[in-house]
């Protein structure tokens, strides 16, 4: 995925967050719940979390990413060096 595509998804996230906060979720527990309920259209994960040096944390986010993909949810790893990341 290109940086421009990442930026498009991140901008959409922040736009929705600013206009209808109830349509976005963040934080491990809230995201887990939303994924369990199939209430996620796009899952955004920072590359810092996806490549964490903490193995348990990394496994958790890799698992979320894989689970989202298996369930047909678009999962995006966005670069923390991205201006909005």
C-alpha atoms as a PDB file:
ATOM      1  CA  UNK A   1       0.000   0.000   0.000  1.00  0.00           C
ATOM      2  CA  UNK A   2       1.340   3.389  -0.928  1.00  0.00           C
ATOM      3  CA  UNK A   3       1.889   6.226   1.497  1.00  0.00           C
ATOM      4  CA  UNK A   4      -0.869   8.158  -0.298  1.00  0.00           C
ATOM      5  CA  UNK A   5      -3.319   5.289   0.319  1.00  0.00           C
ATOM      6  CA  UNK A   6      -2.348   5.163   3.996  1.00  0.00           C
ATOM      7  CA  UNK A   7      -2.868   8.895   4.224  1.00  0.00           C
ATOM      8  CA  UNK A   8      -6.330   8.586   2.666  1.00  0.00           C
ATOM      9  CA  UNK A   9      -7.412   6.023   5.288  1.00  0.00           C
ATOM     10  CA  UNK A  10      -5.884   7.967   8.165  1.00  0.00           C
ATOM     11  CA  UNK A  11      -7.529  11.198   7.031  1.00  0.00           C
ATOM     12  CA  UNK A  12     -10.883   9.418   6.769  1.00  0.00           C
ATOM     13  CA  UNK A  13     -10.400   8.048  10.296  1.00  0.00           C
ATOM     14  CA  UNK A  14      -9.700  11.502  11.734  1.00  0.00           C
ATOM     15  CA  UNK A  15     -12.580  13.037   9.764  1.00  0.00           C
ATOM     16  CA  UNK A  16     -15.046  10.488  11.153  1.00  0.00           C
ATOM     17  CA  UNK A  17     -13.554  10.848  14.635  1.00  0.00           C
ATOM     18  CA  UNK A  18     -14.179  14.590  14.444  1.00  0.00           C
ATOM     19  CA  UNK A  19     -17.741  14.339  13.153  1.00  0.00           C
ATOM     20  CA  UNK A  20     -19.133  11.144  14.684  1.00  0.00           C
ATOM     21  CA  UNK A  21     -16.904   9.719  17.397  1.00  0.00           C
ATOM     22  CA  UNK A  22     -19.277   6.774  17.944  1.00  0.00           C
ATOM     23  CA  UNK A  23     -18.290   5.370  14.533  1.00  0.00           C
ATOM     24  CA  UNK A  24     -14.635   4.823  15.425  1.00  0.00           C
ATOM     25  CA  UNK A  25     -12.950   2.815  18.124  1.00  0.00           C
ATOM     26  CA  UNK A  26      -9.421   2.600  19.388  1.00  0.00           C
ATOM     27  CA  UNK A  27      -7.571   0.835  22.139  1.00  0.00           C
ATOM     28  CA  UNK A  28      -6.916  -2.891  22.372  1.00  0.00           C
ATOM     29  CA  UNK A  29     -10.070  -3.964  24.238  1.00  0.00           C
ATOM     30  CA  UNK A  30     -12.468  -1.847  22.194  1.00  0.00           C
ATOM     31  CA  UNK A  31     -10.941  -2.984  18.916  1.00  0.00           C
ATOM     32  CA  UNK A  32     -11.020  -6.653  20.002  1.00  0.00           C
ATOM     33  CA  UNK A  33     -14.702  -6.321  20.861  1.00  0.00           C
ATOM     34  CA  UNK A  34     -15.535  -4.563  17.590  1.00  0.00           C
ATOM     35  CA  UNK A  35     -13.666  -7.213  15.615  1.00  0.00           C
ATOM     36  CA  UNK A  36     -15.508  -9.996  17.490  1.00  0.00           C
ATOM     37  CA  UNK A  37     -18.792  -8.313  16.589  1.00  0.00           C
ATOM     38  CA  UNK A  38     -17.741  -7.815  12.942  1.00  0.00           C
ATOM     39  CA  UNK A  39     -18.262  -4.094  13.449  1.00  0.00           C
ATOM     40  CA  UNK A  40     -15.057  -2.988  11.721  1.00  0.00           C
ATOM     41  CA  UNK A  41     -14.858  -1.822   8.136  1.00  0.00           C
ATOM     42  CA  UNK A  42     -11.138  -0.963   8.174  1.00  0.00           C
ATOM     43  CA  UNK A  43      -8.603  -1.909  10.843  1.00  0.00           C
ATOM     44  CA  UNK A  44      -5.673   0.510  11.135  1.00  0.00           C
ATOM     45  CA  UNK A  45      -2.590  -0.657  13.027  1.00  0.00           C
ATOM     46  CA  UNK A  46       0.556   1.382  13.528  1.00  0.00           C
ATOM     47  CA  UNK A  47       3.727  -0.271  12.304  1.00  0.00           C
ATOM     48  CA  UNK A  48       5.215   0.455  15.747  1.00  0.00           C
ATOM     49  CA  UNK A  49       2.669  -1.915  17.305  1.00  0.00           C
ATOM     50  CA  UNK A  50       2.894  -4.456  14.500  1.00  0.00           C
ATOM     51  CA  UNK A  51       6.686  -4.600  14.833  1.00  0.00           C
ATOM     52  CA  UNK A  52       6.924  -4.081  18.590  1.00  0.00           C
ATOM     53  CA  UNK A  53      10.017  -5.371  20.380  1.00  0.00           C
ATOM     54  CA  UNK A  54       7.637  -6.650  23.056  1.00  0.00           C
ATOM     55  CA  UNK A  55       6.895 -10.104  21.661  1.00  0.00           C
ATOM     56  CA  UNK A  56       3.528 -10.506  23.410  1.00  0.00           C
ATOM     57  CA  UNK A  57       2.369  -7.130  22.099  1.00  0.00           C
ATOM     58  CA  UNK A  58       3.612  -7.898  18.589  1.00  0.00           C
ATOM     59  CA  UNK A  59       1.849 -11.284  18.587  1.00  0.00           C
ATOM     60  CA  UNK A  60      -1.370  -9.611  19.699  1.00  0.00           C
ATOM     61  CA  UNK A  61      -1.377  -7.120  16.832  1.00  0.00           C
ATOM     62  CA  UNK A  62      -0.242  -9.660  14.243  1.00  0.00           C
ATOM     63  CA  UNK A  63      -3.104 -11.883  15.426  1.00  0.00           C
ATOM     64  CA  UNK A  64      -5.593  -8.990  15.109  1.00  0.00           C
ATOM     65  CA  UNK A  65      -4.331  -8.278  11.601  1.00  0.00           C
ATOM     66  CA  UNK A  66      -4.607 -11.912  10.533  1.00  0.00           C
ATOM     67  CA  UNK A  67      -8.042 -12.335  12.122  1.00  0.00           C
ATOM     68  CA  UNK A  68      -9.313  -9.226  10.382  1.00  0.00           C
ATOM     69  CA  UNK A  69      -8.060 -10.502   7.027  1.00  0.00           C
ATOM     70  CA  UNK A  70      -9.649 -13.935   7.576  1.00  0.00           C
ATOM     71  CA  UNK A  71     -12.970 -12.236   8.324  1.00  0.00           C
ATOM     72  CA  UNK A  72     -12.890 -10.019   5.237  1.00  0.00           C
ATOM     73  CA  UNK A  73     -11.987  -6.821   7.097  1.00  0.00           C
ATOM     74  CA  UNK A  74      -9.536  -4.530   5.325  1.00  0.00           C
ATOM     75  CA  UNK A  75      -6.497  -4.351   7.626  1.00  0.00           C
ATOM     76  CA  UNK A  76      -3.856  -1.692   7.081  1.00  0.00           C
ATOM     77  CA  UNK A  77      -0.456  -1.338   8.700  1.00  0.00           C
ATOM     78  CA  UNK A  78       0.384   2.358   8.509  1.00  0.00           C
ATOM     79  CA  UNK A  79       3.812   3.843   8.860  1.00  0.00           C
ATOM     80  CA  UNK A  80       4.498   5.798  12.010  1.00  0.00           C
ATOM     81  CA  UNK A  81       6.739   8.048   9.934  1.00  0.00           C
ATOM     82  CA  UNK A  82       3.671   9.116   7.962  1.00  0.00           C
ATOM     83  CA  UNK A  83       2.875  12.779   8.774  1.00  0.00           C
ATOM     84  CA  UNK A  84      -0.415  11.775  10.414  1.00  0.00           C
ATOM     85  CA  UNK A  85       0.936   8.566  11.992  1.00  0.00           C
END
